[in-house]
Amino acid sequence: MPGRILVVDDLLPNVKLLEAKLTGEYYDVITASNGFDALKLAQTEAPDIILLDIMMPEIDGFEVCARLKADPRTTHIPVVMVTALSDPRDKVRGLEAGADEFLSKPVRDLPLFARVRSLVRLKILMDAWRVREETSTELGFTQQRQPISDMDLRGCSIALLASEPSLARQIQQHLDKDEHVVELFD
């Protein structure tokens, strides 16, 4: 189940090291040396995961991640921040930008492969669900659902299972006010 991985780092030795490790595990690796190229490749090459350095010139990894997550074409791609930064505030900033995971430099093989495998598997599953939903909608098998808050639920029947009879009676009394028919099951 190899996947396509975009490695982004402004330092060529870091890119080559990750590329060698990942191709050795049969992943298809594409690379970028700056944030602007990463944004373009994320749209054109459809990677399954992005390994993104934080400290880069012009546009840093935080900004790249935020832009990826704000774009509907790339928001679903998992982003792993790869960094030498160790301040917890940097992790918080990365999470706020939309990062899915973090790896500390120097990157060790076991955490790298575990995270990549897990996120690629998750991405493939999410892609399959998205395709099924789109296909079902196109074929007319699904419809736009009305939010429950917009529905008129007066007069609906409700089956209430509760372990505490007093709580069940309180819920029943509240629902009776809205003309619901409530049956209690102990």
C-alpha atoms as a PDB file:
ATOM      1  CA  MET A   1       0.000   0.000   0.000  1.00  0.00           C
ATOM      2  CA  PRO A   2       2.685   2.533  -0.878  1.00  0.00           C
ATOM      3  CA  GLY A   3       1.570   6.108  -1.280  1.00  0.00           C
ATOM      4  CA  ARG A   4       2.795   9.363  -2.734  1.00  0.00           C
ATOM      5  CA  ILE A   5       4.669  11.630  -0.329  1.00  0.00           C
ATOM      6  CA  LEU A   6       5.630  15.257  -0.836  1.00  0.00           C
ATOM      7  CA  VAL A   7       8.815  16.141   1.074  1.00  0.00           C
ATOM      8  CA  VAL A   8       9.347  19.889   1.579  1.00  0.00           C
ATOM      9  CA  ASP A   9      12.597  21.302   2.975  1.00  0.00           C
ATOM     10  CA  ASP A  10      14.896  24.114   1.883  1.00  0.00           C
ATOM     11  CA  LEU A  11      18.000  22.072   2.790  1.00  0.00           C
ATOM     12  CA  LEU A  12      18.883  19.566   0.070  1.00  0.00           C
ATOM     13  CA  PRO A  13      20.590  17.046   2.430  1.00  0.00           C
ATOM     14  CA  ASN A  14      17.382  16.817   4.502  1.00  0.00           C
ATOM     15  CA  VAL A  15      15.297  16.255   1.371  1.00  0.00           C
ATOM     16  CA  LYS A  16      17.675  13.594   0.027  1.00  0.00           C
ATOM     17  CA  LEU A  17      17.777  11.767   3.370  1.00  0.00           C
ATOM     18  CA  LEU A  18      13.979  11.554   3.679  1.00  0.00           C
ATOM     19  CA  GLU A  19      13.660  10.693   0.001  1.00  0.00           C
ATOM     20  CA  ALA A  20      16.131   7.803   0.346  1.00  0.00           C
ATOM     21  CA  LYS A  21      14.406   6.435   3.464  1.00  0.00           C
ATOM     22  CA  LEU A  22      10.931   6.624   1.941  1.00  0.00           C
ATOM     23  CA  THR A  23      11.791   5.254  -1.509  1.00  0.00           C
ATOM     24  CA  GLY A  24      13.488   2.374   0.308  1.00  0.00           C
ATOM     25  CA  GLU A  25      10.046   1.597   1.727  1.00  0.00           C
ATOM     26  CA  TYR A  26       8.533   1.795  -1.798  1.00  0.00           C
ATOM     27  CA  TYR A  27       6.823   5.162  -1.418  1.00  0.00           C
ATOM     28  CA  ASP A  28       6.601   7.459  -4.425  1.00  0.00           C
ATOM     29  CA  VAL A  29       8.422  10.623  -3.314  1.00  0.00           C
ATOM     30  CA  ILE A  30       8.153  14.073  -4.827  1.00  0.00           C
ATOM     31  CA  THR A  31      10.115  16.995  -3.436  1.00  0.00           C
ATOM     32  CA  ALA A  32       9.987  20.751  -3.092  1.00  0.00           C
ATOM     33  CA  SER A  33      12.634  23.123  -1.788  1.00  0.00           C
ATOM     34  CA  ASN A  34      10.298  25.939  -0.768  1.00  0.00           C
ATOM     35  CA  GLY A  35       6.756  26.636   0.347  1.00  0.00           C
ATOM     36  CA  PHE A  36       5.501  28.084  -2.939  1.00  0.00           C
ATOM     37  CA  ASP A  37       6.586  24.997  -4.901  1.00  0.00           C
ATOM     38  CA  ALA A  38       5.008  22.810  -2.215  1.00  0.00           C
ATOM     39  CA  LEU A  39       1.654  24.560  -2.620  1.00  0.00           C
ATOM     40  CA  LYS A  40       1.764  24.040  -6.406  1.00  0.00           C
ATOM     41  CA  LEU A  41       2.805  20.380  -6.150  1.00  0.00           C
ATOM     42  CA  ALA A  42       0.127  19.653  -3.563  1.00  0.00           C
ATOM     43  CA  GLN A  43      -2.482  20.710  -6.128  1.00  0.00           C
ATOM     44  CA  THR A  44      -0.961  19.137  -9.234  1.00  0.00           C
ATOM     45  CA  GLU A  45       0.571  15.907  -7.905  1.00  0.00           C
ATOM     46  CA  ALA A  46      -2.077  14.832  -5.355  1.00  0.00           C
ATOM     47  CA  PRO A  47       0.221  13.521  -2.617  1.00  0.00           C
ATOM     48  CA  ASP A  48      -1.181  11.253   0.080  1.00  0.00           C
ATOM     49  CA  ILE A  49       0.859  12.993   2.774  1.00  0.00           C
ATOM     50  CA  ILE A  50       3.138  16.019   3.080  1.00  0.00           C
ATOM     51  CA  LEU A  51       6.288  16.094   5.217  1.00  0.00           C
ATOM     52  CA  LEU A  52       6.827  19.803   5.759  1.00  0.00           C
ATOM     53  CA  ASP A  53       9.809  21.613   7.250  1.00  0.00           C
ATOM     54  CA  ILE A  54       8.873  24.621   9.372  1.00  0.00           C
ATOM     55  CA  MET A  55      11.903  26.881   9.047  1.00  0.00           C
ATOM     56  CA  MET A  56      12.114  27.936   5.409  1.00  0.00           C
ATOM     57  CA  PRO A  57      12.795  31.310   3.765  1.00  0.00           C
ATOM     58  CA  GLU A  58      10.060  33.444   2.161  1.00  0.00           C
ATOM     59  CA  ILE A  59       7.121  31.371   3.408  1.00  0.00           C
ATOM     60  CA  ASP A  60       7.535  29.141   6.462  1.00  0.00           C
ATOM     61  CA  GLY A  61       5.941  25.773   7.109  1.00  0.00           C
ATOM     62  CA  PHE A  62       3.236  27.253   9.363  1.00  0.00           C
ATOM     63  CA  GLU A  63       1.990  29.465   6.526  1.00  0.00           C
ATOM     64  CA  VAL A  64       2.240  26.659   3.962  1.00  0.00           C
ATOM     65  CA  CYS A  65       0.220  24.374   6.224  1.00  0.00           C
ATOM     66  CA  ALA A  66      -2.430  27.037   6.856  1.00  0.00           C
ATOM     67  CA  ARG A  67      -2.783  27.640   3.106  1.00  0.00           C
ATOM     68  CA  LEU A  68      -3.019  23.917   2.374  1.00  0.00           C
ATOM     69  CA  LYS A  69      -5.746  23.453   4.968  1.00  0.00           C
ATOM     70  CA  ALA A  70      -7.657  26.532   3.736  1.00  0.00           C
ATOM     71  CA  ASP A  71      -7.767  25.263   0.135  1.00  0.00           C
ATOM     72  CA  PRO A  72     -10.616  22.783  -0.563  1.00  0.00           C
ATOM     73  CA  ARG A  73      -8.374  20.999  -3.097  1.00  0.00           C
ATOM     74  CA  THR A  74      -5.704  20.203  -0.485  1.00  0.00           C
ATOM     75  CA  THR A  75      -7.427  20.419   2.901  1.00  0.00           C
ATOM     76  CA  HIS A  76      -7.762  16.629   3.126  1.00  0.00           C
ATOM     77  CA  ILE A  77      -4.015  15.932   2.713  1.00  0.00           C
ATOM     78  CA  PRO A  78      -2.367  15.050   6.047  1.00  0.00           C
ATOM     79  CA  VAL A  79       0.540  17.340   6.928  1.00  0.00           C
ATOM     80  CA  VAL A  80       3.407  16.233   9.164  1.00  0.00           C
ATOM     81  CA  MET A  81       5.556  19.094  10.427  1.00  0.00           C
ATOM     82  CA  VAL A  82       9.225  18.074  10.463  1.00  0.00           C
ATOM     83  CA  THR A  83      11.185  20.405  12.692  1.00  0.00           C
ATOM     84  CA  ALA A  84      14.183  21.025  14.881  1.00  0.00           C
ATOM     85  CA  LEU A  85      12.056  23.411  16.964  1.00  0.00           C
ATOM     86  CA  SER A  86      11.339  22.062  20.436  1.00  0.00           C
ATOM     87  CA  ASP A  87       9.278  24.812  22.061  1.00  0.00           C
ATOM     88  CA  PRO A  88       5.733  23.584  22.874  1.00  0.00           C
ATOM     89  CA  ARG A  89       4.404  26.900  21.510  1.00  0.00           C
ATOM     90  CA  ASP A  90       5.669  25.863  18.078  1.00  0.00           C
ATOM     91  CA  LYS A  91       3.611  22.678  18.240  1.00  0.00           C
ATOM     92  CA  VAL A  92       0.549  24.670  19.250  1.00  0.00           C
ATOM     93  CA  ARG A  93       1.161  27.055  16.359  1.00  0.00           C
ATOM     94  CA  GLY A  94       1.477  24.071  14.005  1.00  0.00           C
ATOM     95  CA  LEU A  95      -1.771  22.561  15.258  1.00  0.00           C
ATOM     96  CA  GLU A  96      -3.501  25.904  14.822  1.00  0.00           C
ATOM     97  CA  ALA A  97      -2.217  25.965  11.232  1.00  0.00           C
ATOM     98  CA  GLY A  98      -3.771  22.521  10.684  1.00  0.00           C
ATOM     99  CA  ALA A  99      -0.836  20.113  11.102  1.00  0.00           C
ATOM    100  CA  ASP A 100      -1.813  16.508  11.699  1.00  0.00           C
ATOM    101  CA  GLU A 101       1.426  15.295  13.260  1.00  0.00           C
ATOM    102  CA  PHE A 102       4.974  16.301  14.208  1.00  0.00           C
ATOM    103  CA  LEU A 103       8.375  14.695  13.780  1.00  0.00           C
ATOM    104  CA  SER A 104      11.524  16.048  15.413  1.00  0.00           C
ATOM    105  CA  LYS A 105      14.808  16.378  13.566  1.00  0.00           C
ATOM    106  CA  PRO A 106      16.891  14.357  13.278  1.00  0.00           C
ATOM    107  CA  VAL A 107      14.073  12.103  12.057  1.00  0.00           C
ATOM    108  CA  ARG A 108      14.302   8.546  13.359  1.00  0.00           C
ATOM    109  CA  ASP A 109      13.125   5.721  11.104  1.00  0.00           C
ATOM    110  CA  LEU A 110      10.608   4.031  13.417  1.00  0.00           C
ATOM    111  CA  PRO A 111       8.481   7.140  14.169  1.00  0.00           C
ATOM    112  CA  LEU A 112       8.771   8.261  10.539  1.00  0.00           C
ATOM    113  CA  PHE A 113       7.515   4.994   9.066  1.00  0.00           C
ATOM    114  CA  ALA A 114       4.818   4.538  11.717  1.00  0.00           C
ATOM    115  CA  ARG A 115       3.339   7.985  11.130  1.00  0.00           C
ATOM    116  CA  VAL A 116       3.621   7.801   7.361  1.00  0.00           C
ATOM    117  CA  ARG A 117       2.000   4.359   7.209  1.00  0.00           C
ATOM    118  CA  SER A 118      -0.829   5.416   9.499  1.00  0.00           C
ATOM    119  CA  LEU A 119      -1.572   8.699   7.747  1.00  0.00           C
ATOM    120  CA  VAL A 120      -1.338   7.230   4.235  1.00  0.00           C
ATOM    121  CA  ARG A 121      -3.756   4.472   5.263  1.00  0.00           C
ATOM    122  CA  LEU A 122      -6.140   7.070   6.730  1.00  0.00           C
ATOM    123  CA  LYS A 123      -5.883   9.279   3.622  1.00  0.00           C
ATOM    124  CA  ILE A 124      -6.658   6.379   1.292  1.00  0.00           C
ATOM    125  CA  LEU A 125      -9.691   5.441   3.390  1.00  0.00           C
ATOM    126  CA  MET A 126     -10.958   9.027   3.470  1.00  0.00           C
ATOM    127  CA  ASP A 127     -10.481   9.338  -0.302  1.00  0.00           C
ATOM    128  CA  ALA A 128     -12.566   6.195  -0.828  1.00  0.00           C
ATOM    129  CA  TRP A 129     -15.361   7.556   1.387  1.00  0.00           C
ATOM    130  CA  ARG A 130     -15.299  10.871  -0.449  1.00  0.00           C
ATOM    131  CA  VAL A 131     -15.574   9.112  -3.836  1.00  0.00           C
ATOM    132  CA  ARG A 132     -18.462   6.947  -2.579  1.00  0.00           C
ATOM    133  CA  GLU A 133     -20.317   9.984  -1.293  1.00  0.00           C
ATOM    134  CA  GLU A 134     -19.805  11.895  -4.548  1.00  0.00           C
ATOM    135  CA  THR A 135     -20.900   8.896  -6.618  1.00  0.00           C
ATOM    136  CA  SER A 136     -23.961   8.286  -4.459  1.00  0.00           C
ATOM    137  CA  THR A 137     -24.968  11.927  -4.775  1.00  0.00           C
ATOM    138  CA  GLU A 138     -24.439  11.921  -8.554  1.00  0.00           C
ATOM    139  CA  LEU A 139     -26.572   8.781  -8.896  1.00  0.00           C
ATOM    140  CA  GLY A 140     -29.298  10.241  -6.695  1.00  0.00           C
ATOM    141  CA  PHE A 141     -28.940   7.753  -3.842  1.00  0.00           C
ATOM    142  CA  THR A 142     -28.329  10.441  -1.264  1.00  0.00           C
ATOM    143  CA  GLN A 143     -30.095  13.705  -0.743  1.00  0.00           C
ATOM    144  CA  GLN A 144     -29.282  16.885   1.025  1.00  0.00           C
ATOM    145  CA  ARG A 145     -30.335  16.363   4.605  1.00  0.00           C
ATOM    146  CA  GLN A 146     -32.197  18.999   6.490  1.00  0.00           C
ATOM    147  CA  PRO A 147     -30.467  19.923   9.761  1.00  0.00           C
ATOM    148  CA  ILE A 148     -32.331  18.479  12.730  1.00  0.00           C
ATOM    149  CA  SER A 149     -32.575  21.974  14.229  1.00  0.00           C
ATOM    150  CA  ASP A 150     -34.759  22.992  11.238  1.00  0.00           C
ATOM    151  CA  MET A 151     -37.113  20.013  11.499  1.00  0.00           C
ATOM    152  CA  ASP A 152     -40.537  20.137  13.115  1.00  0.00           C
ATOM    153  CA  LEU A 153     -40.384  17.189  15.496  1.00  0.00           C
ATOM    154  CA  ARG A 154     -43.654  17.821  17.365  1.00  0.00           C
ATOM    155  CA  GLY A 155     -45.733  14.709  17.633  1.00  0.00           C
ATOM    156  CA  CYS A 156     -42.808  12.346  16.958  1.00  0.00           C
ATOM    157  CA  SER A 157     -42.652   9.102  18.885  1.00  0.00           C
ATOM    158  CA  ILE A 158     -39.602   8.602  21.044  1.00  0.00           C
ATOM    159  CA  ALA A 159     -38.375   5.388  22.679  1.00  0.00           C
ATOM    160  CA  LEU A 160     -36.442   6.229  25.818  1.00  0.00           C
ATOM    161  CA  LEU A 161     -34.095   3.734  27.450  1.00  0.00           C
ATOM    162  CA  ALA A 162     -32.746   4.859  30.796  1.00  0.00           C
ATOM    163  CA  SER A 163     -31.024   3.135  33.669  1.00  0.00           C
ATOM    164  CA  GLU A 164     -32.401   5.612  36.196  1.00  0.00           C
ATOM    165  CA  PRO A 165     -36.241   5.772  36.315  1.00  0.00           C
ATOM    166  CA  SER A 166     -36.268   9.265  37.878  1.00  0.00           C
ATOM    167  CA  LEU A 167     -34.135  10.656  35.062  1.00  0.00           C
ATOM    168  CA  ALA A 168     -36.339   8.926  32.486  1.00  0.00           C
ATOM    169  CA  ARG A 169     -39.472  10.542  33.999  1.00  0.00           C
ATOM    170  CA  GLN A 170     -37.809  13.987  33.910  1.00  0.00           C
ATOM    171  CA  ILE A 171     -36.923  13.563  30.252  1.00  0.00           C
ATOM    172  CA  GLN A 172     -40.423  12.278  29.509  1.00  0.00           C
ATOM    173  CA  GLN A 173     -42.052  15.302  31.188  1.00  0.00           C
ATOM    174  CA  HIS A 174     -39.845  17.692  29.221  1.00  0.00           C
ATOM    175  CA  LEU A 175     -40.607  15.983  25.913  1.00  0.00           C
ATOM    176  CA  ASP A 176     -44.340  15.823  26.674  1.00  0.00           C
ATOM    177  CA  LYS A 177     -44.348  19.645  26.629  1.00  0.00           C
ATOM    178  CA  ASP A 178     -43.446  19.528  22.926  1.00  0.00           C
ATOM    179  CA  GLU A 179     -46.239  17.017  22.173  1.00  0.00           C
ATOM    180  CA  HIS A 180     -43.902  14.045  21.780  1.00  0.00           C
ATOM    181  CA  VAL A 181     -45.191  10.566  22.509  1.00  0.00           C
ATOM    182  CA  VAL A 182     -42.657   8.983  24.843  1.00  0.00           C
ATOM    183  CA  GLU A 183     -42.554   5.313  25.755  1.00  0.00           C
ATOM    184  CA  LEU A 184     -40.352   4.344  28.699  1.00  0.00           C
ATOM    185  CA  PHE A 185     -38.388   1.111  28.709  1.00  0.00           C
ATOM    186  CA  ASP A 186     -36.661   0.020  31.926  1.00  0.00           C
END
